Amino acid sequence: MLIIYEHYKGTQLNFPIHLYDRKVTAQRVLQEFDGHNQHELARKYGYSQKWIQMVMREAREHK
């Protein structure tokens, strides 16, 4: 923390909300979904349950 402070003090920094690519996260969600863990996956990856539902719906439509 102090290294970051010394290097960037006085500078406004912006960090992304999600550190993972949405497509990669969607693939992980599809792999980890067990039919009942929608809320846990949303919390784990920092997305809404609605987004998890959309990922699941799109996966069903593409099959």
PDB file of N, CA and C in Angstrom:
ATOM      1  N   MET A   1       0.825  -1.188   0.000  1.00  0.00           N
ATOM      2  CA  MET A   1       0.000   0.000   0.000  1.00  0.00           C
ATOM      3  C   MET A   1       0.870   1.254   0.000  1.00  0.00           C
ATOM      4  N   LEU A   2       1.902   1.242   0.804  1.00  0.00           N
ATOM      5  CA  LEU A   2       2.769   2.421   0.878  1.00  0.00           C
ATOM      6  C   LEU A   2       3.532   2.639  -0.433  1.00  0.00           C
ATOM      7  N   ILE A   3       3.876   1.575  -1.117  1.00  0.00           N
ATOM      8  CA  ILE A   3       4.566   1.708  -2.408  1.00  0.00           C
ATOM      9  C   ILE A   3       3.642   2.387  -3.414  1.00  0.00           C
ATOM     10  N   ILE A   4       2.394   1.959  -3.439  1.00  0.00           N
ATOM     11  CA  ILE A   4       1.414   2.577  -4.335  1.00  0.00           C
ATOM     12  C   ILE A   4       1.229   4.045  -3.964  1.00  0.00           C
ATOM     13  N   TYR A   5       1.135   4.312  -2.666  1.00  0.00           N
ATOM     14  CA  TYR A   5       0.974   5.690  -2.206  1.00  0.00           C
ATOM     15  C   TYR A   5       2.142   6.560  -2.660  1.00  0.00           C
ATOM     16  N   GLU A   6       3.361   6.087  -2.438  1.00  0.00           N
ATOM     17  CA  GLU A   6       4.546   6.879  -2.807  1.00  0.00           C
ATOM     18  C   GLU A   6       4.616   7.121  -4.319  1.00  0.00           C
ATOM     19  N   HIS A   7       4.219   6.148  -5.075  1.00  0.00           N
ATOM     20  CA  HIS A   7       4.327   6.271  -6.522  1.00  0.00           C
ATOM     21  C   HIS A   7       3.211   7.125  -7.124  1.00  0.00           C
ATOM     22  N   TYR A   8       2.004   7.041  -6.569  1.00  0.00           N
ATOM     23  CA  TYR A   8       0.842   7.697  -7.178  1.00  0.00           C
ATOM     24  C   TYR A   8       0.201   8.784  -6.319  1.00  0.00           C
ATOM     25  N   LYS A   9       0.813   9.193  -5.228  1.00  0.00           N
ATOM     26  CA  LYS A   9       0.170  10.170  -4.339  1.00  0.00           C
ATOM     27  C   LYS A   9      -0.247  11.415  -5.100  1.00  0.00           C
ATOM     28  N   GLY A  10      -1.467  11.822  -4.830  1.00  0.00           N
ATOM     29  CA  GLY A  10      -2.027  12.991  -5.482  1.00  0.00           C
ATOM     30  C   GLY A  10      -2.701  12.706  -6.815  1.00  0.00           C
ATOM     31  N   THR A  11      -2.559  11.483  -7.306  1.00  0.00           N
ATOM     32  CA  THR A  11      -3.153  11.102  -8.584  1.00  0.00           C
ATOM     33  C   THR A  11      -4.471  10.378  -8.326  1.00  0.00           C
ATOM     34  N   GLN A  12      -5.460  10.695  -9.119  1.00  0.00           N
ATOM     35  CA  GLN A  12      -6.736   9.988  -8.997  1.00  0.00           C
ATOM     36  C   GLN A  12      -6.645   8.696  -9.792  1.00  0.00           C
ATOM     37  N   LEU A  13      -6.924   7.582  -9.128  1.00  0.00           N
ATOM     38  CA  LEU A  13      -6.863   6.268  -9.758  1.00  0.00           C
ATOM     39  C   LEU A  13      -8.256   5.670  -9.871  1.00  0.00           C
ATOM     40  N   ASN A  14      -8.480   4.942 -10.928  1.00  0.00           N
ATOM     41  CA  ASN A  14      -9.729   4.203 -11.112  1.00  0.00           C
ATOM     42  C   ASN A  14      -9.405   2.734 -11.273  1.00  0.00           C
ATOM     43  N   PHE A  15     -10.120   1.911 -10.553  1.00  0.00           N
ATOM     44  CA  PHE A  15      -9.947   0.471 -10.648  1.00  0.00           C
ATOM     45  C   PHE A  15     -11.224  -0.137 -11.201  1.00  0.00           C
ATOM     46  N   PRO A  16     -11.099  -1.162 -12.029  1.00  0.00           N
ATOM     47  CA  PRO A  16     -12.303  -1.799 -12.581  1.00  0.00           C
ATOM     48  C   PRO A  16     -13.098  -2.494 -11.479  1.00  0.00           C
ATOM     49  N   ILE A  17     -14.396  -2.556 -11.652  1.00  0.00           N
ATOM     50  CA  ILE A  17     -15.241  -3.242 -10.683  1.00  0.00           C
ATOM     51  C   ILE A  17     -15.020  -4.745 -10.766  1.00  0.00           C
ATOM     52  N   HIS A  18     -14.896  -5.251 -11.983  1.00  0.00           N
ATOM     53  CA  HIS A  18     -14.690  -6.678 -12.202  1.00  0.00           C
ATOM     54  C   HIS A  18     -13.305  -6.894 -12.787  1.00  0.00           C
ATOM     55  N   LEU A  19     -12.552  -7.787 -12.182  1.00  0.00           N
ATOM     56  CA  LEU A  19     -11.199  -8.046 -12.646  1.00  0.00           C
ATOM     57  C   LEU A  19     -11.156  -9.099 -13.748  1.00  0.00           C
ATOM     58  N   TYR A  20     -12.282  -9.757 -13.981  1.00  0.00           N
ATOM     59  CA  TYR A  20     -12.323 -10.835 -14.954  1.00  0.00           C
ATOM     60  C   TYR A  20     -13.110 -10.408 -16.187  1.00  0.00           C
ATOM     61  N   ASP A  21     -12.744 -10.950 -17.330  1.00  0.00           N
ATOM     62  CA  ASP A  21     -13.478 -10.744 -18.565  1.00  0.00           C
ATOM     63  C   ASP A  21     -14.862 -11.385 -18.426  1.00  0.00           C
ATOM     64  N   ARG A  22     -15.890 -10.712 -18.908  1.00  0.00           N
ATOM     65  CA  ARG A  22     -17.262 -11.218 -18.772  1.00  0.00           C
ATOM     66  C   ARG A  22     -17.448 -12.589 -19.418  1.00  0.00           C
ATOM     67  N   LYS A  23     -16.812 -12.808 -20.570  1.00  0.00           N
ATOM     68  CA  LYS A  23     -16.956 -14.088 -21.253  1.00  0.00           C
ATOM     69  C   LYS A  23     -16.321 -15.224 -20.445  1.00  0.00           C
ATOM     70  N   VAL A  24     -15.164 -14.954 -19.875  1.00  0.00           N
ATOM     71  CA  VAL A  24     -14.492 -15.956 -19.052  1.00  0.00           C
ATOM     72  C   VAL A  24     -15.328 -16.240 -17.807  1.00  0.00           C
ATOM     73  N   THR A  25     -15.851 -15.191 -17.203  1.00  0.00           N
ATOM     74  CA  THR A  25     -16.690 -15.359 -16.019  1.00  0.00           C
ATOM     75  C   THR A  25     -17.942 -16.156 -16.360  1.00  0.00           C
ATOM     76  N   ALA A  26     -18.553 -15.876 -17.504  1.00  0.00           N
ATOM     77  CA  ALA A  26     -19.749 -16.616 -17.921  1.00  0.00           C
ATOM     78  C   ALA A  26     -19.434 -18.096 -18.086  1.00  0.00           C
ATOM     79  N   GLN A  27     -18.286 -18.416 -18.650  1.00  0.00           N
ATOM     80  CA  GLN A  27     -17.890 -19.816 -18.797  1.00  0.00           C
ATOM     81  C   GLN A  27     -17.710 -20.481 -17.436  1.00  0.00           C
ATOM     82  N   ARG A  28     -17.096 -19.777 -16.509  1.00  0.00           N
ATOM     83  CA  ARG A  28     -16.899 -20.325 -15.158  1.00  0.00           C
ATOM     84  C   ARG A  28     -18.243 -20.538 -14.470  1.00  0.00           C
ATOM     85  N   VAL A  29     -19.160 -19.594 -14.644  1.00  0.00           N
ATOM     86  CA  VAL A  29     -20.490 -19.718 -14.045  1.00  0.00           C
ATOM     87  C   VAL A  29     -21.186 -20.960 -14.597  1.00  0.00           C
ATOM     88  N   LEU A  30     -21.098 -21.171 -15.904  1.00  0.00           N
ATOM     89  CA  LEU A  30     -21.731 -22.343 -16.515  1.00  0.00           C
ATOM     90  C   LEU A  30     -21.121 -23.633 -15.987  1.00  0.00           C
ATOM     91  N   GLN A  31     -19.831 -23.645 -15.749  1.00  0.00           N
ATOM     92  CA  GLN A  31     -19.167 -24.831 -15.222  1.00  0.00           C
ATOM     93  C   GLN A  31     -19.542 -25.100 -13.772  1.00  0.00           C
ATOM     94  N   GLU A  32     -19.697 -24.050 -12.992  1.00  0.00           N
ATOM     95  CA  GLU A  32     -19.915 -24.195 -11.556  1.00  0.00           C
ATOM     96  C   GLU A  32     -21.389 -24.255 -11.159  1.00  0.00           C
ATOM     97  N   PHE A  33     -22.269 -23.920 -12.069  1.00  0.00           N
ATOM     98  CA  PHE A  33     -23.698 -23.890 -11.736  1.00  0.00           C
ATOM     99  C   PHE A  33     -24.201 -25.315 -11.488  1.00  0.00           C
ATOM    100  N   ASP A  34     -24.857 -25.502 -10.345  1.00  0.00           N
ATOM    101  CA  ASP A  34     -25.385 -26.823 -10.008  1.00  0.00           C
ATOM    102  C   ASP A  34     -26.909 -26.861  -9.953  1.00  0.00           C
ATOM    103  N   GLY A  35     -27.530 -25.772 -10.382  1.00  0.00           N
ATOM    104  CA  GLY A  35     -28.985 -25.703 -10.380  1.00  0.00           C
ATOM    105  C   GLY A  35     -29.556 -24.981  -9.170  1.00  0.00           C
ATOM    106  N   HIS A  36     -28.721 -24.774  -8.143  1.00  0.00           N
ATOM    107  CA  HIS A  36     -29.224 -24.149  -6.916  1.00  0.00           C
ATOM    108  C   HIS A  36     -28.284 -23.095  -6.338  1.00  0.00           C
ATOM    109  N   ASN A  37     -27.168 -22.820  -6.995  1.00  0.00           N
ATOM    110  CA  ASN A  37     -26.178 -21.916  -6.403  1.00  0.00           C
ATOM    111  C   ASN A  37     -26.065 -20.572  -7.127  1.00  0.00           C
ATOM    112  N   GLN A  38     -27.126 -20.128  -7.687  1.00  0.00           N
ATOM    113  CA  GLN A  38     -27.154 -18.875  -8.445  1.00  0.00           C
ATOM    114  C   GLN A  38     -26.720 -17.684  -7.581  1.00  0.00           C
ATOM    115  N   HIS A  39     -27.248 -17.593  -6.391  1.00  0.00           N
ATOM    116  CA  HIS A  39     -26.922 -16.489  -5.489  1.00  0.00           C
ATOM    117  C   HIS A  39     -25.442 -16.526  -5.109  1.00  0.00           C
ATOM    118  N   GLU A  40     -24.932 -17.708  -4.814  1.00  0.00           N
ATOM    119  CA  GLU A  40     -23.530 -17.848  -4.428  1.00  0.00           C
ATOM    120  C   GLU A  40     -22.591 -17.450  -5.567  1.00  0.00           C
ATOM    121  N   LEU A  41     -22.939 -17.847  -6.791  1.00  0.00           N
ATOM    122  CA  LEU A  41     -22.109 -17.486  -7.943  1.00  0.00           C
ATOM    123  C   LEU A  41     -22.138 -15.987  -8.190  1.00  0.00           C
ATOM    124  N   ALA A  42     -23.291 -15.375  -8.036  1.00  0.00           N
ATOM    125  CA  ALA A  42     -23.405 -13.927  -8.204  1.00  0.00           C
ATOM    126  C   ALA A  42     -22.516 -13.211  -7.195  1.00  0.00           C
ATOM    127  N   ARG A  43     -22.544 -13.663  -5.986  1.00  0.00           N
ATOM    128  CA  ARG A  43     -21.724 -13.053  -4.939  1.00  0.00           C
ATOM    129  C   ARG A  43     -20.236 -13.315  -5.192  1.00  0.00           C
ATOM    130  N   LYS A  44     -19.899 -14.551  -5.568  1.00  0.00           N
ATOM    131  CA  LYS A  44     -18.499 -14.931  -5.797  1.00  0.00           C
ATOM    132  C   LYS A  44     -17.850 -14.091  -6.887  1.00  0.00           C
ATOM    133  N   TYR A  45     -18.566 -13.872  -7.984  1.00  0.00           N
ATOM    134  CA  TYR A  45     -17.991 -13.174  -9.121  1.00  0.00           C
ATOM    135  C   TYR A  45     -18.357 -11.690  -9.189  1.00  0.00           C
ATOM    136  N   GLY A  46     -19.178 -11.219  -8.263  1.00  0.00           N
ATOM    137  CA  GLY A  46     -19.493  -9.799  -8.198  1.00  0.00           C
ATOM    138  C   GLY A  46     -20.488  -9.324  -9.240  1.00  0.00           C
ATOM    139  N   TYR A  47     -21.331 -10.225  -9.718  1.00  0.00           N
ATOM    140  CA  TYR A  47     -22.370  -9.871 -10.680  1.00  0.00           C
ATOM    141  C   TYR A  47     -23.730 -10.085 -10.022  1.00  0.00           C
ATOM    142  N   SER A  48     -24.760  -9.558 -10.643  1.00  0.00           N
ATOM    143  CA  SER A  48     -26.107  -9.705 -10.098  1.00  0.00           C
ATOM    144  C   SER A  48     -26.665 -11.091 -10.436  1.00  0.00           C
ATOM    145  N   GLN A  49     -27.659 -11.491  -9.667  1.00  0.00           N
ATOM    146  CA  GLN A  49     -28.336 -12.751  -9.959  1.00  0.00           C
ATOM    147  C   GLN A  49     -29.022 -12.673 -11.318  1.00  0.00           C
ATOM    148  N   LYS A  50     -29.483 -11.512 -11.691  1.00  0.00           N
ATOM    149  CA  LYS A  50     -30.117 -11.325 -12.990  1.00  0.00           C
ATOM    150  C   LYS A  50     -29.114 -11.608 -14.110  1.00  0.00           C
ATOM    151  N   TRP A  51     -27.865 -11.191 -13.941  1.00  0.00           N
ATOM    152  CA  TRP A  51     -26.841 -11.455 -14.942  1.00  0.00           C
ATOM    153  C   TRP A  51     -26.562 -12.963 -15.026  1.00  0.00           C
ATOM    154  N   ILE A  52     -26.517 -13.624 -13.875  1.00  0.00           N
ATOM    155  CA  ILE A  52     -26.313 -15.079 -13.848  1.00  0.00           C
ATOM    156  C   ILE A  52     -27.467 -15.765 -14.588  1.00  0.00           C
ATOM    157  N   GLN A  53     -28.692 -15.314 -14.350  1.00  0.00           N
ATOM    158  CA  GLN A  53     -29.860 -15.879 -15.038  1.00  0.00           C
ATOM    159  C   GLN A  53     -29.742 -15.677 -16.547  1.00  0.00           C
ATOM    160  N   MET A  54     -29.276 -14.499 -16.967  1.00  0.00           N
ATOM    161  CA  MET A  54     -29.118 -14.214 -18.383  1.00  0.00           C
ATOM    162  C   MET A  54     -28.084 -15.161 -19.003  1.00  0.00           C
ATOM    163  N   VAL A  55     -26.989 -15.395 -18.302  1.00  0.00           N
ATOM    164  CA  VAL A  55     -25.949 -16.313 -18.784  1.00  0.00           C
ATOM    165  C   VAL A  55     -26.531 -17.710 -18.959  1.00  0.00           C
ATOM    166  N   MET A  56     -27.308 -18.153 -17.978  1.00  0.00           N
ATOM    167  CA  MET A  56     -27.895 -19.488 -18.043  1.00  0.00           C
ATOM    168  C   MET A  56     -28.912 -19.575 -19.187  1.00  0.00           C
ATOM    169  N   ARG A  57     -29.715 -18.537 -19.361  1.00  0.00           N
ATOM    170  CA  ARG A  57     -30.715 -18.521 -20.419  1.00  0.00           C
ATOM    171  C   ARG A  57     -30.048 -18.551 -21.800  1.00  0.00           C
ATOM    172  N   GLU A  58     -29.002 -17.750 -21.988  1.00  0.00           N
ATOM    173  CA  GLU A  58     -28.299 -17.732 -23.265  1.00  0.00           C
ATOM    174  C   GLU A  58     -27.639 -19.075 -23.558  1.00  0.00           C
ATOM    175  N   ALA A  59     -27.147 -19.728 -22.540  1.00  0.00           N
ATOM    176  CA  ALA A  59     -26.526 -21.044 -22.727  1.00  0.00           C
ATOM    177  C   ALA A  59     -27.567 -22.066 -23.175  1.00  0.00           C
ATOM    178  N   ARG A  60     -28.761 -22.000 -22.583  1.00  0.00           N
ATOM    179  CA  ARG A  60     -29.835 -22.922 -22.980  1.00  0.00           C
ATOM    180  C   ARG A  60     -30.276 -22.654 -24.420  1.00  0.00           C
ATOM    181  N   GLU A  61     -30.332 -21.390 -24.818  1.00  0.00           N
ATOM    182  CA  GLU A  61     -30.762 -21.021 -26.160  1.00  0.00           C
ATOM    183  C   GLU A  61     -29.761 -21.452 -27.228  1.00  0.00           C
ATOM    184  N   HIS A  62     -28.496 -21.475 -26.870  1.00  0.00           N
ATOM    185  CA  HIS A  62     -27.459 -21.850 -27.848  1.00  0.00           C
ATOM    186  C   HIS A  62     -27.306 -23.355 -28.007  1.00  0.00           C
ATOM    187  N   LYS A  63     -27.915 -24.116 -27.142  1.00  0.00           N
ATOM    188  CA  LYS A  63     -27.801 -25.586 -27.237  1.00  0.00           C
ATOM    189  C   LYS A  63     -28.812 -26.144 -28.177  1.00  0.00           C
TER     190      LYS A  63
END
